[in-house]
C-alpha atoms as a PDB file:
ATOM      1  CA  MET A   1      52.632-158.519   5.357  1.00  0.00           C
ATOM      2  CA  THR A   2      53.572-155.357   7.792  1.00  0.00           C
ATOM      3  CA  ALA A   3      52.617-151.891   5.886  1.00  0.00           C
ATOM      4  CA  VAL A   4      54.061-148.912   6.982  1.00  0.00           C
ATOM      5  CA  GLY A   5      52.078-145.685   6.663  1.00  0.00           C
ATOM      6  CA  VAL A   6      53.744-142.960   4.723  1.00  0.00           C
ATOM      7  CA  ALA A   7      52.519-139.428   4.467  1.00  0.00           C
ATOM      8  CA  VAL A   8      53.428-136.908   1.941  1.00  0.00           C
ATOM      9  CA  ALA A   9      53.145-133.270   3.495  1.00  0.00           C
ATOM     10  CA  GLN A  10      52.428-130.468   0.939  1.00  0.00           C
ATOM     11  CA  PHE A  11      52.861-126.268   2.171  1.00  0.00           C
ATOM     12  CA  THR A  12      54.575-123.388   1.346  1.00  0.00           C
ATOM     13  CA  PRO A  13      57.283-122.410   4.009  1.00  0.00           C
ATOM     14  CA  THR A  14      57.661-118.583   4.539  1.00  0.00           C
ATOM     15  CA  ASP A  15      60.242-116.357   6.039  1.00  0.00           C
ATOM     16  CA  ASP A  16      58.957-116.717   9.923  1.00  0.00           C
ATOM     17  CA  ARG A  17      60.756-119.808  11.156  1.00  0.00           C
ATOM     18  CA  VAL A  18      58.049-120.169  13.994  1.00  0.00           C
ATOM     19  CA  HIS A  19      55.334-119.894  11.550  1.00  0.00           C
ATOM     20  CA  ASN A  20      57.030-122.418   9.622  1.00  0.00           C
ATOM     21  CA  ARG A  21      57.981-124.840  12.864  1.00  0.00           C
ATOM     22  CA  ASP A  22      54.165-124.440  13.995  1.00  0.00           C
ATOM     23  CA  VAL A  23      52.517-125.419  10.304  1.00  0.00           C
ATOM     24  CA  VAL A  24      54.802-128.496  10.645  1.00  0.00           C
ATOM     25  CA  ALA A  25      53.705-129.562  13.929  1.00  0.00           C
ATOM     26  CA  ALA A  26      49.888-129.085  12.871  1.00  0.00           C
ATOM     27  CA  LEU A  27      50.717-131.293   9.554  1.00  0.00           C
ATOM     28  CA  VAL A  28      52.511-134.028  11.999  1.00  0.00           C
ATOM     29  CA  ALA A  29      49.517-133.990  14.109  1.00  0.00           C
ATOM     30  CA  VAL A  30      46.840-134.878  11.254  1.00  0.00           C
ATOM     31  CA  ALA A  31      49.579-137.534   9.680  1.00  0.00           C
ATOM     32  CA  ALA A  32      49.501-139.177  12.691  1.00  0.00           C
ATOM     33  CA  GLU A  33      45.569-139.217  13.227  1.00  0.00           C
ATOM     34  CA  ARG A  34      45.669-140.827   9.551  1.00  0.00           C
ATOM     35  CA  GLY A  35      47.868-143.618  10.811  1.00  0.00           C
ATOM     36  CA  ALA A  36      51.306-142.319   9.559  1.00  0.00           C
ATOM     37  CA  ARG A  37      54.937-143.660  10.801  1.00  0.00           C
ATOM     38  CA  LEU A  38      56.643-141.658   8.303  1.00  0.00           C
ATOM     39  CA  VAL A  39      56.012-137.972   7.273  1.00  0.00           C
ATOM     40  CA  VAL A  40      58.003-136.232   4.340  1.00  0.00           C
ATOM     41  CA  PHE A  41      58.423-132.589   4.147  1.00  0.00           C
ATOM     42  CA  PRO A  42      59.495-129.835   1.412  1.00  0.00           C
ATOM     43  CA  GLU A  43      62.608-129.030   0.771  1.00  0.00           C
ATOM     44  CA  TYR A  44      63.382-125.276   2.510  1.00  0.00           C
ATOM     45  CA  ALA A  45      60.851-126.269   5.474  1.00  0.00           C
ATOM     46  CA  SER A  46      62.721-124.299   7.739  1.00  0.00           C
ATOM     47  CA  TYR A  47      62.677-120.948   6.239  1.00  0.00           C
ATOM     48  CA  PHE A  48      61.921-119.604   2.416  1.00  0.00           C
ATOM     49  CA  THR A  49      61.301-116.703   0.454  1.00  0.00           C
ATOM     50  CA  ASP A  50      61.722-115.560  -2.999  1.00  0.00           C
ATOM     51  CA  PRO A  51      63.969-115.326  -4.746  1.00  0.00           C
ATOM     52  CA  LEU A  52      67.135-117.123  -2.403  1.00  0.00           C
ATOM     53  CA  GLY A  53      69.357-114.210  -1.404  1.00  0.00           C
ATOM     54  CA  PRO A  54      71.678-113.540   1.716  1.00  0.00           C
ATOM     55  CA  SER A  55      68.853-113.994   4.030  1.00  0.00           C
ATOM     56  CA  PHE A  56      68.789-117.630   4.142  1.00  0.00           C
ATOM     57  CA  ALA A  57      72.237-117.464   5.494  1.00  0.00           C
ATOM     58  CA  ARG A  58      71.491-115.367   8.266  1.00  0.00           C
ATOM     59  CA  ASN A  59      68.042-117.484   9.077  1.00  0.00           C
ATOM     60  CA  ALA A  60      70.222-120.492   9.097  1.00  0.00           C
ATOM     61  CA  GLU A  61      70.430-122.669  11.684  1.00  0.00           C
ATOM     62  CA  PRO A  62      72.738-125.625  13.346  1.00  0.00           C
ATOM     63  CA  LEU A  63      71.301-129.592  13.239  1.00  0.00           C
ATOM     64  CA  ASP A  64      70.907-128.914  16.813  1.00  0.00           C
ATOM     65  CA  GLY A  65      68.703-125.630  16.472  1.00  0.00           C
ATOM     66  CA  GLY A  66      65.162-124.255  16.596  1.00  0.00           C
ATOM     67  CA  PHE A  67      63.940-125.938  13.989  1.00  0.00           C
ATOM     68  CA  VAL A  68      65.453-129.486  14.361  1.00  0.00           C
ATOM     69  CA  THR A  69      64.733-129.778  18.272  1.00  0.00           C
ATOM     70  CA  SER A  70      61.172-128.975  17.041  1.00  0.00           C
ATOM     71  CA  LEU A  71      60.524-131.434  14.766  1.00  0.00           C
ATOM     72  CA  GLY A  72      62.397-133.992  16.971  1.00  0.00           C
ATOM     73  CA  ALA A  73      59.454-133.386  19.968  1.00  0.00           C
ATOM     74  CA  VAL A  74      56.898-133.121  17.573  1.00  0.00           C
ATOM     75  CA  ALA A  75      57.494-136.554  16.038  1.00  0.00           C
ATOM     76  CA  ARG A  76      58.323-137.959  19.733  1.00  0.00           C
ATOM     77  CA  GLU A  77      55.200-136.746  20.714  1.00  0.00           C
ATOM     78  CA  HIS A  78      52.923-138.226  18.196  1.00  0.00           C
ATOM     79  CA  GLY A  79      55.143-141.300  17.627  1.00  0.00           C
ATOM     80  CA  LEU A  80      56.411-141.188  14.391  1.00  0.00           C
ATOM     81  CA  TYR A  81      59.305-140.724  11.956  1.00  0.00           C
ATOM     82  CA  ALA A  82      59.611-137.456   9.971  1.00  0.00           C
ATOM     83  CA  ILE A  83      61.992-135.930   7.210  1.00  0.00           C
ATOM     84  CA  ALA A  84      62.089-132.126   6.433  1.00  0.00           C
ATOM     85  CA  GLY A  85      64.719-129.479   4.913  1.00  0.00           C
ATOM     86  CA  LEU A  86      66.666-127.106   6.847  1.00  0.00           C
ATOM     87  CA  VAL A  87      68.523-123.920   5.877  1.00  0.00           C
ATOM     88  CA  GLU A  88      71.768-125.299   7.372  1.00  0.00           C
ATOM     89  CA  GLN A  89      74.627-123.371   8.453  1.00  0.00           C
ATOM     90  CA  THR A  90      77.914-123.544   7.375  1.00  0.00           C
ATOM     91  CA  GLY A  91      81.342-121.792   8.314  1.00  0.00           C
ATOM     92  CA  GLU A  92      80.852-119.862   4.879  1.00  0.00           C
ATOM     93  CA  ARG A  93      79.206-116.174   6.491  1.00  0.00           C
ATOM     94  CA  HIS A  94      76.852-115.837   3.063  1.00  0.00           C
ATOM     95  CA  ARG A  95      75.956-119.176   2.097  1.00  0.00           C
ATOM     96  CA  PHE A  96      74.356-122.095   3.673  1.00  0.00           C
ATOM     97  CA  ALA A  97      73.715-126.379   3.350  1.00  0.00           C
ATOM     98  CA  ASN A  98      70.534-127.420   1.691  1.00  0.00           C
ATOM     99  CA  THR A  99      69.606-130.026   4.049  1.00  0.00           C
ATOM    100  CA  LEU A 100      67.524-132.959   4.812  1.00  0.00           C
ATOM    101  CA  VAL A 101      66.865-134.291   8.476  1.00  0.00           C
ATOM    102  CA  ALA A 102      65.231-136.963   9.564  1.00  0.00           C
ATOM    103  CA  VAL A 103      64.020-137.838  13.429  1.00  0.00           C
ATOM    104  CA  SER A 104      62.513-140.645  14.877  1.00  0.00           C
ATOM    105  CA  ASP A 105      59.939-141.620  16.944  1.00  0.00           C
ATOM    106  CA  ALA A 106      62.276-140.937  19.735  1.00  0.00           C
ATOM    107  CA  GLY A 107      62.926-137.282  18.519  1.00  0.00           C
ATOM    108  CA  GLU A 108      66.765-138.549  17.919  1.00  0.00           C
ATOM    109  CA  ARG A 109      68.354-137.490  14.627  1.00  0.00           C
ATOM    110  CA  VAL A 110      68.652-140.642  12.592  1.00  0.00           C
ATOM    111  CA  ALA A 111      69.954-139.516   9.097  1.00  0.00           C
ATOM    112  CA  VAL A 112      71.206-136.304   7.152  1.00  0.00           C
ATOM    113  CA  TYR A 113      71.557-135.448   3.666  1.00  0.00           C
ATOM    114  CA  ARG A 114      72.652-132.324   2.042  1.00  0.00           C
ATOM    115  CA  LYS A 115      71.613-131.423  -1.425  1.00  0.00           C
ATOM    116  CA  GLN A 116      74.629-132.752  -3.834  1.00  0.00           C
ATOM    117  CA  HIS A 117      73.012-131.202  -7.397  1.00  0.00           C
ATOM    118  CA  LEU A 118      72.220-127.764  -6.949  1.00  0.00           C
ATOM    119  CA  TYR A 119      69.933-126.105  -8.895  1.00  0.00           C
ATOM    120  CA  ASP A 120      71.652-124.520 -11.799  1.00  0.00           C
ATOM    121  CA  ALA A 121      68.738-124.751 -14.396  1.00  0.00           C
ATOM    122  CA  PHE A 122      66.397-123.293 -15.640  1.00  0.00           C
ATOM    123  CA  GLY A 123      67.541-119.285 -15.095  1.00  0.00           C
ATOM    124  CA  SER A 124      68.294-120.228 -11.301  1.00  0.00           C
ATOM    125  CA  HIS A 125      71.569-120.285  -9.399  1.00  0.00           C
ATOM    126  CA  GLU A 126      71.238-121.740  -6.238  1.00  0.00           C
ATOM    127  CA  SER A 127      75.328-122.497  -5.810  1.00  0.00           C
ATOM    128  CA  GLU A 128      75.503-118.348  -5.714  1.00  0.00           C
ATOM    129  CA  TRP A 129      74.105-119.061  -2.083  1.00  0.00           C
ATOM    130  CA  VAL A 130      74.507-122.979  -1.083  1.00  0.00           C
ATOM    131  CA  VAL A 131      77.102-124.902  -0.470  1.00  0.00           C
ATOM    132  CA  ALA A 132      77.087-128.393  -2.099  1.00  0.00           C
ATOM    133  CA  GLY A 133      76.851-131.762  -0.288  1.00  0.00           C
ATOM    134  CA  ASP A 134      79.467-134.189  -0.726  1.00  0.00           C
ATOM    135  CA  THR A 135      78.869-137.575  -2.235  1.00  0.00           C
ATOM    136  CA  ALA A 136      79.471-139.565   1.241  1.00  0.00           C
ATOM    137  CA  PRO A 137      77.593-143.125   1.574  1.00  0.00           C
ATOM    138  CA  PRO A 138      74.201-142.457   1.713  1.00  0.00           C
ATOM    139  CA  GLU A 139      72.334-142.650   5.482  1.00  0.00           C
ATOM    140  CA  VAL A 140      69.419-145.039   5.586  1.00  0.00           C
ATOM    141  CA  PHE A 141      67.392-145.700   8.298  1.00  0.00           C
ATOM    142  CA  GLU A 142      64.506-148.357   9.295  1.00  0.00           C
ATOM    143  CA  VAL A 143      60.969-147.479  10.012  1.00  0.00           C
ATOM    144  CA  ASP A 144      59.201-150.738  10.948  1.00  0.00           C
ATOM    145  CA  GLY A 145      61.559-152.739   8.982  1.00  0.00           C
ATOM    146  CA  LEU A 146      61.231-150.633   5.576  1.00  0.00           C
ATOM    147  CA  ARG A 147      64.474-148.895   4.939  1.00  0.00           C
ATOM    148  CA  VAL A 148      64.215-145.225   3.697  1.00  0.00           C
ATOM    149  CA  GLY A 149      67.012-143.158   2.301  1.00  0.00           C
ATOM    150  CA  MET A 150      66.909-139.142   1.007  1.00  0.00           C
ATOM    151  CA  GLN A 151      67.548-137.002  -1.707  1.00  0.00           C
ATOM    152  CA  THR A 152      66.669-133.546  -2.761  1.00  0.00           C
ATOM    153  CA  CYS A 153      64.604-131.889  -5.578  1.00  0.00           C
ATOM    154  CA  TYR A 154      66.875-131.258  -8.426  1.00  0.00           C
ATOM    155  CA  ASP A 155      69.137-134.561  -7.430  1.00  0.00           C
ATOM    156  CA  LEU A 156      66.103-136.267  -9.078  1.00  0.00           C
ATOM    157  CA  ARG A 157      67.092-135.275 -12.461  1.00  0.00           C
ATOM    158  CA  PHE A 158      70.380-137.564 -11.868  1.00  0.00           C
ATOM    159  CA  PRO A 159      69.189-141.488 -11.756  1.00  0.00           C
ATOM    160  CA  GLU A 160      72.797-142.268 -10.195  1.00  0.00           C
ATOM    161  CA  VAL A 161      71.560-140.413  -6.841  1.00  0.00           C
ATOM    162  CA  THR A 162      68.605-142.962  -6.485  1.00  0.00           C
ATOM    163  CA  ARG A 163      70.582-146.040  -7.796  1.00  0.00           C
ATOM    164  CA  ARG A 164      73.136-145.194  -4.832  1.00  0.00           C
ATOM    165  CA  ILE A 165      70.407-145.253  -2.457  1.00  0.00           C
ATOM    166  CA  ALA A 166      68.972-148.296  -3.586  1.00  0.00           C
ATOM    167  CA  ASP A 167      72.481-149.822  -3.619  1.00  0.00           C
ATOM    168  CA  ALA A 168      72.718-148.782   0.108  1.00  0.00           C
ATOM    169  CA  GLY A 169      69.317-150.980   0.966  1.00  0.00           C
ATOM    170  CA  ALA A 170      66.662-148.935   0.715  1.00  0.00           C
ATOM    171  CA  ASP A 171      62.980-149.734  -0.178  1.00  0.00           C
ATOM    172  CA  LEU A 172      61.306-145.758  -0.157  1.00  0.00           C
ATOM    173  CA  VAL A 173      63.648-142.825  -0.763  1.00  0.00           C
ATOM    174  CA  ALA A 174      61.810-139.666   0.110  1.00  0.00           C
ATOM    175  CA  ILE A 175      62.363-136.766  -1.814  1.00  0.00           C
ATOM    176  CA  PRO A 176      61.644-133.494  -0.032  1.00  0.00           C
ATOM    177  CA  ALA A 177      61.308-130.598  -2.949  1.00  0.00           C
ATOM    178  CA  GLU A 178      60.648-126.871  -4.325  1.00  0.00           C
ATOM    179  CA  TRP A 179      60.138-127.955  -7.669  1.00  0.00           C
ATOM    180  CA  VAL A 180      59.437-124.587  -9.446  1.00  0.00           C
ATOM    181  CA  ARG A 181      56.777-123.791 -11.810  1.00  0.00           C
ATOM    182  CA  GLY A 182      57.403-123.413 -15.703  1.00  0.00           C
ATOM    183  CA  PRO A 183      57.094-125.111 -18.887  1.00  0.00           C
ATOM    184  CA  LEU A 184      56.621-128.777 -18.684  1.00  0.00           C
ATOM    185  CA  LYS A 185      57.480-128.825 -15.361  1.00  0.00           C
ATOM    186  CA  GLU A 186      54.595-130.701 -13.898  1.00  0.00           C
ATOM    187  CA  HIS A 187      55.274-133.368 -16.605  1.00  0.00           C
ATOM    188  CA  HIS A 188      58.992-133.434 -15.587  1.00  0.00           C
ATOM    189  CA  TRP A 189      58.113-134.052 -11.962  1.00  0.00           C
ATOM    190  CA  THR A 190      55.583-136.728 -12.400  1.00  0.00           C
ATOM    191  CA  THR A 191      57.872-138.571 -14.934  1.00  0.00           C
ATOM    192  CA  LEU A 192      61.015-138.901 -12.904  1.00  0.00           C
ATOM    193  CA  LEU A 193      59.038-139.891 -10.032  1.00  0.00           C
ATOM    194  CA  ALA A 194      57.866-142.516 -11.806  1.00  0.00           C
ATOM    195  CA  ALA A 195      60.820-143.381 -13.540  1.00  0.00           C
ATOM    196  CA  ARG A 196      62.975-143.467 -10.082  1.00  0.00           C
ATOM    197  CA  ALA A 197      60.642-145.537  -9.065  1.00  0.00           C
ATOM    198  CA  ILE A 198      60.561-148.510 -11.313  1.00  0.00           C
ATOM    199  CA  GLU A 199      64.074-148.705 -12.540  1.00  0.00           C
ATOM    200  CA  ASN A 200      64.925-149.264  -8.428  1.00  0.00           C
ATOM    201  CA  THR A 201      61.876-150.681  -7.994  1.00  0.00           C
ATOM    202  CA  LEU A 202      60.938-149.199  -4.597  1.00  0.00           C
ATOM    203  CA  TYR A 203      59.044-146.996  -3.332  1.00  0.00           C
ATOM    204  CA  VAL A 204      58.960-142.614  -3.628  1.00  0.00           C
ATOM    205  CA  ALA A 205      57.548-140.233  -1.384  1.00  0.00           C
ATOM    206  CA  ALA A 206      58.204-137.026  -2.987  1.00  0.00           C
ATOM    207  CA  ALA A 207      56.762-133.233  -1.083  1.00  0.00           C
ATOM    208  CA  ASP A 208      56.717-130.127  -2.637  1.00  0.00           C
ATOM    209  CA  HIS A 209      55.723-126.510  -2.102  1.00  0.00           C
ATOM    210  CA  THR A 210      52.636-125.481  -3.209  1.00  0.00           C
ATOM    211  CA  PRO A 211      51.920-123.119  -5.968  1.00  0.00           C
ATOM    212  CA  PRO A 212      52.514-120.174  -6.849  1.00  0.00           C
ATOM    213  CA  ILE A 213      56.014-121.192  -6.661  1.00  0.00           C
ATOM    214  CA  GLY A 214      56.233-124.546  -6.289  1.00  0.00           C
ATOM    215  CA  ILE A 215      53.412-126.725  -8.567  1.00  0.00           C
ATOM    216  CA  GLY A 216      52.697-129.043  -5.855  1.00  0.00           C
ATOM    217  CA  ALA A 217      51.660-132.510  -6.793  1.00  0.00           C
ATOM    218  CA  SER A 218      53.414-133.958  -3.797  1.00  0.00           C
ATOM    219  CA  THR A 219      53.335-137.999  -4.546  1.00  0.00           C
ATOM    220  CA  ILE A 220      53.519-141.479  -3.270  1.00  0.00           C
ATOM    221  CA  VAL A 221      54.516-144.204  -5.877  1.00  0.00           C
ATOM    222  CA  ASP A 222      54.998-147.719  -5.625  1.00  0.00           C
ATOM    223  CA  PRO A 223      57.857-149.637  -6.741  1.00  0.00           C
ATOM    224  CA  MET A 224      55.902-150.584  -9.903  1.00  0.00           C
ATOM    225  CA  GLY A 225      55.666-146.479 -10.804  1.00  0.00           C
ATOM    226  CA  VAL A 226      52.159-146.613  -9.887  1.00  0.00           C
ATOM    227  CA  THR A 227      50.761-143.419  -7.863  1.00  0.00           C
ATOM    228  CA  VAL A 228      49.124-144.639  -4.700  1.00  0.00           C
ATOM    229  CA  ALA A 229      48.602-141.085  -3.245  1.00  0.00           C
ATOM    230  CA  GLY A 230      49.034-137.710  -4.292  1.00  0.00           C
ATOM    231  CA  LEU A 231      48.103-134.220  -3.416  1.00  0.00           C
ATOM    232  CA  ALA A 232      46.752-131.292  -5.920  1.00  0.00           C
ATOM    233  CA  GLU A 233      47.747-127.791  -5.200  1.00  0.00           C
ATOM    234  CA  THR A 234      46.440-127.332  -1.893  1.00  0.00           C
ATOM    235  CA  THR A 235      48.171-127.695   1.477  1.00  0.00           C
ATOM    236  CA  GLY A 236      47.288-131.168   3.156  1.00  0.00           C
ATOM    237  CA  ILE A 237      48.880-134.647   3.899  1.00  0.00           C
ATOM    238  CA  ALA A 238      48.710-137.311   1.429  1.00  0.00           C
ATOM    239  CA  VAL A 239      49.063-141.097   2.989  1.00  0.00           C
ATOM    240  CA  ALA A 240      49.876-144.346   1.479  1.00  0.00           C
ATOM    241  CA  GLU A 241      50.808-147.840   3.012  1.00  0.00           C
ATOM    242  CA  ALA A 242      54.165-149.015   1.902  1.00  0.00           C
ATOM    243  CA  SER A 243      55.595-152.880   2.476  1.00  0.00           C
ATOM    244  CA  THR A 244      58.766-154.740   2.377  1.00  0.00           C
ATOM    245  CA  GLU A 245      57.015-157.478   0.707  1.00  0.00           C
ATOM    246  CA  ARG A 246      55.351-155.306  -2.178  1.00  0.00           C
ATOM    247  CA  VAL A 247      59.323-154.723  -2.705  1.00  0.00           C
ATOM    248  CA  HIS A 248      60.522-158.050  -2.905  1.00  0.00           C
ATOM    249  CA  GLN A 249      57.843-159.036  -5.020  1.00  0.00           C
ATOM    250  CA  VAL A 250      58.132-156.365  -7.392  1.00  0.00           C
ATOM    251  CA  ARG A 251      62.190-157.290  -7.412  1.00  0.00           C
ATOM    252  CA  GLU A 252      61.106-160.899  -7.993  1.00  0.00           C
ATOM    253  CA  ARG A 253      58.822-160.664 -11.240  1.00  0.00           C
ATOM    254  CA  ASN A 254      61.626-157.606 -12.234  1.00  0.00           C
ATOM    255  CA  PRO A 255      64.758-158.552 -11.227  1.00  0.00           C
ATOM    256  CA  ALA A 256      66.282-155.494 -13.107  1.00  0.00           C
ATOM    257  CA  LEU A 257      68.901-154.688  -9.968  1.00  0.00           C
ATOM    258  CA  ALA A 258      70.280-157.961 -10.059  1.00  0.00           C
ATOM    259  CA  LEU A 259      70.597-158.165 -13.780  1.00  0.00           C
ATOM    260  CA  ARG A 260      72.569-154.779 -14.665  1.00  0.00           C
ATOM    261  CA  ARG A 261      75.993-154.794 -15.723  1.00  0.00           C
ATOM    262  CA  TYR A 262      77.119-151.429 -14.135  1.00  0.00           C
ATOM    263  CA  ARG A 263      77.829-149.727 -10.613  1.00  0.00           C
ATOM    264  CA  VAL A 264      77.557-146.250  -9.635  1.00  0.00           C
ATOM    265  CA  GLU A 265      80.259-144.463  -8.384  1.00  0.00           C
ATOM    266  CA  PRO A 266      80.486-140.860  -7.173  1.00  0.00           C
ATOM    267  CA  ALA A 267      82.475-138.906  -9.832  1.00  0.00           C
ATOM    268  CA  GLY A 268      85.929-137.121  -8.650  1.00  0.00           C
ATOM    269  CA  GLU A 269      85.404-134.097  -6.300  1.00  0.00           C
END
């Protein structure tokens, strides 16, 4: 069995973009020291302030900007893959894309995902500032044979998103988030992460912001829905091993994907 070290990195990004890059670099180094080959950072890792507003578009960056360039350089330096949330420039002056970028251990960009379901819920109105991603086929990449897909935060409440990534061949789904605190929100987080892992018989690696705005509780869940690593409320790294053999074993015992009678298709846009 080839096990891949997977880390979730928990911190709260700020409105200081240079500081955020420095924190990401420091946490990548810790993850590498602890044997990780993939590290997952939160949503909005490049820039964040509360509440969302016009400053996000002003601080948005292109895919080849400073944040992604720095992420690629530190991933190459430490020999691992990294996923992080980027406030990405768009063609609209006052709105940005809520984007995930994955870089390889060679420092190259290997996948991009733009948040599909915007957080217009629980009193928030993300669509006022964010351009929703399209429903293009999921981009899946390999880390030492482990196939990895991505989705963002509020997408977790839409099971068809994860199912579509599973259909694309993923063994693990990375879920960078800024899961806002509120009544029963911690319960929703842990329940939905376990559900997505169980119903798709794959690993889930979810990274959140620390409190007081986020809930923390960054987590790695295995294909049987068991939490195999996690964090509480502080900045840090949690690491677990993930393997394709474990995914195959679980799918042999519980062939839910093979037995289903429905397929997932994007709704008309």
